[in-house]
Protein backbone atom coordinates (compact mmCIF):
# COMPACT_ATOMS: atom_id res chain seq x y z
CA MET A 1 0.00 0.00 0.00
CA LYS A 2 1.16 3.52 -0.84
CA VAL A 3 -0.14 6.46 1.21
CA GLU A 4 0.36 10.21 0.78
CA VAL A 5 -0.81 12.75 3.37
CA ARG A 6 -1.89 16.27 2.35
CA GLN A 7 -2.57 19.24 4.60
CA VAL A 8 -5.29 21.88 4.33
CA SER A 9 -4.59 25.07 2.31
CA HIS A 10 -6.14 28.39 3.33
CA PRO A 11 -7.86 30.23 0.44
CA GLU A 12 -5.74 33.34 1.00
CA ALA A 13 -2.59 31.25 0.58
CA VAL A 14 -3.94 29.55 -2.54
CA ARG A 15 -4.21 32.92 -4.28
CA ALA A 16 -0.41 32.97 -4.46
CA TYR A 17 0.12 29.37 -5.65
CA ASP A 18 1.72 28.84 -9.04
CA THR A 19 0.74 25.94 -11.30
CA GLU A 20 3.10 23.52 -9.58
CA GLY A 21 1.76 24.50 -6.16
CA LEU A 22 -1.85 24.09 -7.20
CA ARG A 23 -1.14 20.66 -8.64
CA ARG A 24 0.81 19.55 -5.59
CA HIS A 25 -1.98 20.48 -3.18
CA PHE A 26 -5.17 19.73 -5.13
CA LEU A 27 -4.45 17.29 -8.00
CA ILE A 28 -3.95 13.56 -7.41
CA GLU A 29 -2.11 12.34 -10.49
CA ASN A 30 -1.45 8.67 -9.66
CA ILE A 31 -4.38 6.64 -8.35
CA PHE A 32 -4.38 3.33 -10.20
CA GLU A 33 -1.29 1.10 -10.11
CA THR A 34 -1.35 -2.59 -11.03
CA ASP A 35 -1.35 -4.90 -7.99
CA GLU A 36 -1.29 -1.94 -5.61
CA ILE A 37 -3.55 0.10 -3.33
CA VAL A 38 -2.70 3.81 -3.60
CA LEU A 39 -4.25 6.23 -1.09
CA THR A 40 -4.18 9.97 -0.47
CA TYR A 41 -5.16 11.05 3.04
CA SER A 42 -6.38 14.64 2.94
CA HIS A 43 -6.95 16.78 6.01
CA ILE A 44 -9.75 18.44 4.02
CA ASP A 45 -12.61 16.86 6.01
CA ARG A 46 -10.23 13.88 6.45
CA LEU A 47 -11.19 12.43 3.09
CA ILE A 48 -9.25 9.41 1.85
CA ILE A 49 -9.12 9.02 -1.93
CA GLY A 50 -7.52 6.09 -3.70
CA GLY A 51 -7.53 3.18 -6.07
CA ALA A 52 -7.04 -0.58 -5.97
CA VAL A 53 -6.07 -2.58 -9.06
CA PRO A 54 -5.83 -6.30 -8.24
CA ALA A 55 -4.42 -8.10 -11.29
CA THR A 56 -2.20 -11.05 -10.44
CA GLN A 57 -3.08 -11.03 -6.74
CA SER A 58 -5.81 -10.01 -4.32
CA LEU A 59 -5.30 -6.77 -2.37
CA THR A 60 -6.21 -6.23 1.28
CA LEU A 61 -7.11 -2.79 2.62
CA THR A 62 -5.22 -2.14 5.84
CA ALA A 63 -5.13 0.89 8.12
CA PRO A 64 -2.27 3.30 7.40
CA THR A 65 -0.67 5.24 10.23
CA ALA A 66 -2.68 8.34 9.26
CA VAL A 67 -5.93 6.56 10.20
CA GLY A 68 -4.67 5.66 13.66
CA GLN A 69 -6.91 2.62 14.06
CA GLU A 70 -6.45 -1.14 14.21
CA PHE A 71 -8.31 -1.58 10.93
CA PHE A 72 -9.30 0.83 8.16
CA LEU A 73 -13.06 0.96 8.81
CA ALA A 74 -12.93 1.07 12.60
CA GLN A 75 -14.27 4.66 12.51
CA ARG A 76 -14.81 5.13 8.77
CA GLU A 77 -17.16 4.28 5.91
CA LEU A 78 -16.13 3.64 2.31
CA GLY A 79 -17.57 4.01 -1.16
CA VAL A 80 -16.16 1.89 -4.01
CA ILE A 81 -16.93 2.30 -7.73
CA ASN A 82 -15.41 -0.05 -10.31
CA ILE A 83 -14.31 1.65 -13.55
CA GLY A 84 -12.41 -1.36 -14.93
CA GLY A 85 -13.07 -5.00 -15.69
CA SER A 86 -15.27 -7.21 -13.54
CA GLY A 87 -14.12 -7.71 -9.98
CA ARG A 88 -15.21 -8.66 -6.52
CA VAL A 89 -14.90 -7.22 -3.03
CA LEU A 90 -14.84 -9.49 0.01
CA LEU A 91 -16.19 -7.96 3.22
CA ASP A 92 -15.37 -10.15 6.22
CA GLY A 93 -15.63 -13.08 3.80
CA SER A 94 -18.93 -12.00 2.17
CA VAL A 95 -18.46 -11.71 -1.62
CA HIS A 96 -19.81 -8.78 -3.66
CA GLU A 97 -19.43 -8.90 -7.47
CA LEU A 98 -18.83 -5.52 -9.11
CA ASP A 99 -19.11 -4.99 -12.85
CA ASN A 100 -18.03 -1.79 -14.55
CA ARG A 101 -19.73 1.24 -12.90
CA ASP A 102 -21.19 -0.75 -10.05
CA CYS A 103 -20.89 0.86 -6.61
CA LEU A 104 -20.42 -0.75 -3.20
CA TYR A 105 -21.12 1.14 0.01
CA ILE A 106 -19.18 -0.35 2.94
CA GLY A 107 -20.26 0.55 6.46
CA ARG A 108 -18.21 1.21 9.57
CA GLY A 109 -16.91 -1.81 11.44
CA ILE A 110 -16.03 -4.14 8.55
CA VAL A 111 -12.62 -5.58 9.43
CA ASP A 112 -11.42 -7.38 6.30
CA VAL A 113 -11.77 -5.67 2.90
CA VAL A 114 -10.22 -7.59 0.01
CA PHE A 115 -10.22 -6.62 -3.68
CA GLU A 116 -10.00 -9.16 -6.53
CA SER A 117 -10.34 -9.20 -10.32
CA VAL A 118 -12.23 -11.80 -12.33
CA ASP A 119 -9.77 -11.66 -15.25
CA ALA A 120 -6.15 -10.62 -14.70
CA THR A 121 -5.85 -9.51 -18.33
CA ARG A 122 -8.63 -6.97 -17.77
CA PRO A 123 -8.36 -6.15 -14.08
CA ALA A 124 -10.90 -4.26 -12.05
CA LYS A 125 -10.12 -0.64 -11.17
CA PHE A 126 -11.71 0.15 -7.85
CA TYR A 127 -11.97 3.84 -7.01
CA LEU A 128 -12.13 4.40 -3.26
CA LEU A 129 -13.49 7.32 -1.26
CA SER A 130 -13.69 7.17 2.53
CA THR A 131 -15.01 9.57 5.17
CA PRO A 132 -15.05 9.37 8.97
CA ALA A 133 -18.19 7.72 10.40
CA HIS A 134 -19.83 7.94 13.81
CA ALA A 135 -22.56 5.36 13.07
CA THR A 136 -22.81 1.98 11.37
CA TYR A 137 -24.96 1.34 8.30
CA GLU A 138 -25.40 -1.84 6.29
CA SER A 139 -23.10 -2.40 3.33
CA MET A 140 -24.92 -2.30 0.00
CA LEU A 141 -24.15 -3.09 -3.65
CA ILE A 142 -25.72 -0.55 -6.03
CA LYS A 143 -25.88 -1.02 -9.80
CA PRO A 144 -26.36 1.92 -12.21
CA GLU A 145 -30.00 1.00 -12.82
CA GLN A 146 -30.61 1.10 -9.05
CA ALA A 147 -29.11 4.56 -8.65
CA ASN A 148 -31.23 7.68 -8.53
CA GLN A 149 -30.81 9.16 -12.03
CA LEU A 150 -31.05 12.84 -12.96
CA LYS A 151 -30.88 14.04 -16.56
CA LEU A 152 -29.65 17.62 -16.70
CA GLY A 153 -28.33 20.18 -19.16
CA LYS A 154 -28.88 20.92 -22.82
CA GLN A 155 -27.02 20.29 -26.05
CA LEU A 156 -27.23 24.02 -26.71
CA THR A 157 -25.05 24.76 -23.69
CA ALA A 158 -22.84 21.65 -24.16
CA ASN A 159 -23.68 20.20 -20.72
CA LYS A 160 -26.19 17.42 -21.41
CA ARG A 161 -25.46 14.75 -18.81
CA THR A 162 -26.84 12.02 -16.58
CA ILE A 163 -26.13 11.99 -12.86
CA PHE A 164 -26.16 8.63 -11.09
CA GLN A 165 -26.65 9.09 -7.35
CA TYR A 166 -25.39 5.90 -5.68
CA VAL A 167 -24.64 6.63 -2.04
CA HIS A 168 -27.51 9.04 -1.50
CA PRO A 169 -30.34 9.26 1.08
CA ASP A 170 -32.90 8.13 -1.53
CA VAL A 171 -30.86 5.00 -2.34
CA CYS A 172 -28.50 3.99 0.43
CA ASP A 173 -28.07 4.90 4.10
CA SER A 174 -24.69 6.33 5.10
CA CYS A 175 -23.20 8.36 7.90
CA GLN A 176 -21.91 11.37 5.93
CA LEU A 177 -20.70 10.01 2.59
CA VAL A 178 -22.53 11.03 -0.60
CA MET A 179 -21.19 9.55 -3.84
CA GLY A 180 -22.17 9.22 -7.47
CA LEU A 181 -21.15 9.39 -11.11
CA THR A 182 -21.86 11.86 -13.90
CA GLN A 183 -21.71 10.90 -17.59
CA LEU A 184 -21.59 13.61 -20.25
CA GLU A 185 -23.13 12.77 -23.60
CA PRO A 186 -21.07 12.97 -26.83
CA GLY A 187 -20.59 16.55 -27.94
CA ASN A 188 -21.01 17.86 -24.37
CA MET A 189 -18.04 19.10 -22.36
CA TRP A 190 -19.17 21.35 -19.49
CA ASN A 191 -19.99 20.14 -15.99
CA THR A 192 -21.51 22.11 -13.13
CA MET A 193 -21.68 25.51 -14.80
CA PRO A 194 -22.97 27.91 -13.53
CA CYS A 195 -20.83 26.79 -10.64
CA HIS A 196 -21.37 26.69 -6.90
CA THR A 197 -19.67 26.16 -3.58
CA HIS A 198 -20.91 24.25 -0.54
CA ASP A 199 -19.05 25.45 2.52
CA ARG A 200 -20.58 22.74 4.70
CA ARG A 201 -19.03 19.89 2.67
CA SER A 202 -15.85 19.10 0.78
CA GLU A 203 -15.73 17.12 -2.46
CA ALA A 204 -13.43 15.06 -4.65
CA TYR A 205 -13.71 14.51 -8.41
CA LEU A 206 -12.23 11.60 -10.36
CA TYR A 207 -12.22 12.30 -14.10
CA PHE A 208 -12.21 9.22 -16.36
CA ASP A 209 -13.34 7.86 -19.75
CA LEU A 210 -11.05 10.43 -21.34
CA ALA A 211 -8.71 9.56 -24.22
CA ASP A 212 -4.97 9.88 -23.60
CA ASP A 213 -4.67 12.94 -25.82
CA GLN A 214 -7.65 14.74 -24.24
CA ARG A 215 -7.82 16.86 -21.07
CA VAL A 216 -10.29 18.45 -18.67
CA PHE A 217 -9.73 22.03 -17.51
CA HIS A 218 -10.99 21.95 -13.92
CA MET A 219 -12.03 25.32 -12.50
CA MET A 220 -11.35 25.92 -8.80
CA GLY A 221 -10.67 28.69 -6.29
CA GLU A 222 -12.73 31.43 -4.71
CA PRO A 223 -15.38 32.86 -7.06
CA ALA A 224 -13.48 36.15 -7.38
CA GLU A 225 -10.06 34.42 -7.46
CA THR A 226 -10.52 31.50 -9.84
CA ARG A 227 -7.75 29.13 -10.87
CA HIS A 228 -7.63 26.08 -13.12
CA LEU A 229 -5.95 22.69 -13.24
CA VAL A 230 -5.34 20.64 -16.40
CA VAL A 231 -6.45 17.08 -15.63
CA ALA A 232 -5.71 13.86 -17.53
CA ASN A 233 -7.65 10.60 -17.57
CA GLU A 234 -8.07 8.88 -14.18
CA GLN A 235 -6.77 11.79 -12.14
CA ALA A 236 -8.61 13.31 -9.20
CA ILE A 237 -9.21 16.75 -7.71
CA LEU A 238 -9.53 17.70 -4.05
CA SER A 239 -12.12 20.46 -3.66
CA PRO A 240 -12.41 22.25 -0.28
CA GLY A 241 -15.70 23.81 0.73
CA TRP A 242 -14.63 27.35 -0.16
CA SER A 243 -13.75 26.45 -3.76
CA ILE A 244 -15.88 26.34 -6.87
CA HIS A 245 -15.69 23.04 -8.76
CA SER A 246 -16.52 22.94 -12.41
CA GLY A 247 -14.83 21.81 -15.58
CA VAL A 248 -14.76 21.69 -19.36
CA GLY A 249 -13.14 18.98 -21.45
CA THR A 250 -11.66 18.81 -24.90
CA ALA A 251 -14.08 15.88 -25.40
CA ASN A 252 -16.90 14.34 -23.39
CA TYR A 253 -15.94 12.36 -20.30
CA ALA A 254 -17.29 10.97 -17.03
CA PHE A 255 -16.44 11.76 -13.44
CA ILE A 256 -17.07 10.34 -10.00
CA TRP A 257 -17.97 12.86 -7.33
CA ALA A 258 -18.03 12.23 -3.61
CA MET A 259 -18.64 14.49 -0.63
CA GLY A 260 -18.35 14.48 3.14
CA GLY A 261 -19.21 17.09 5.74
CA ASP A 262 -22.03 18.42 7.87
CA ASN A 263 -24.96 17.06 5.88
CA LYS A 264 -25.99 14.75 3.04
CA SER A 265 -28.30 17.17 1.20
CA PHE A 266 -27.32 17.04 -2.47
CA THR A 267 -28.97 20.41 -3.11
CA ASP A 268 -27.19 22.22 -0.26
CA MET A 269 -25.05 24.55 -2.35
CA ASP A 270 -24.39 28.24 -2.79
CA HIS A 271 -24.82 29.15 -6.46
CA ILE A 272 -22.41 31.66 -7.94
CA PRO A 273 -23.79 33.97 -10.66
CA MET A 274 -21.67 34.19 -13.79
CA SER A 275 -21.27 37.92 -13.20
CA ALA A 276 -19.46 37.23 -9.89
CA LEU A 277 -16.74 35.04 -11.39
CA ARG A 278 -13.28 36.53 -11.89
């Protein structure tokens, strides 16, 4: 297992960051490594973001020093979405089969979490997002057709997309984790514009389904002090509560969003008028 720890950045300090500084603090470039679990522990709401790619061997999720517990989910919950080949997740010996874009919510208290692939030549790619948890809820496998689906946007404004709400109060009980996936239709590149902030929660984005020669320009920062990060396929963004989070790609793409904080209300956001952006 590989673990990186990142500290919180104050918005006034971020105003002075150059490109390298922004990328070092907010962009996670390496998430998926064959036969490895790679984690980033962020002090932004103590989110843990990572990936597990079991190819020639199974991978067991253990507790890094940053967690400070005997096992990873002693005081945490975990959302897992598979963006690779078919795989399975074993929870204290109970087997859950995950096809591409299936989601597994894992509640607090599960001791043994093991990741496996069905076919080593096309391994699963498990994206992981964990938040602290003060209560225990039942683990649940959620397929795309079971998710709460929202169709938003218009072709005219290049943001026609479908939102799949997996770990969401209408679908699955959780302590504070909210998690889902957004798919943009061909010819559509913009997500979440007009943009918003939600100071009561922090968020992480994983951009994927993007060709190697394509990029997403992720917009971040305070509304009157915006910045951008150039993001490649299967890279993630840390988004603190004070920052906008929006993006436009050179082609259509998908992204996994996940949040943790004071509430689980998907609509709890502070919209920013276009006239206020700088």
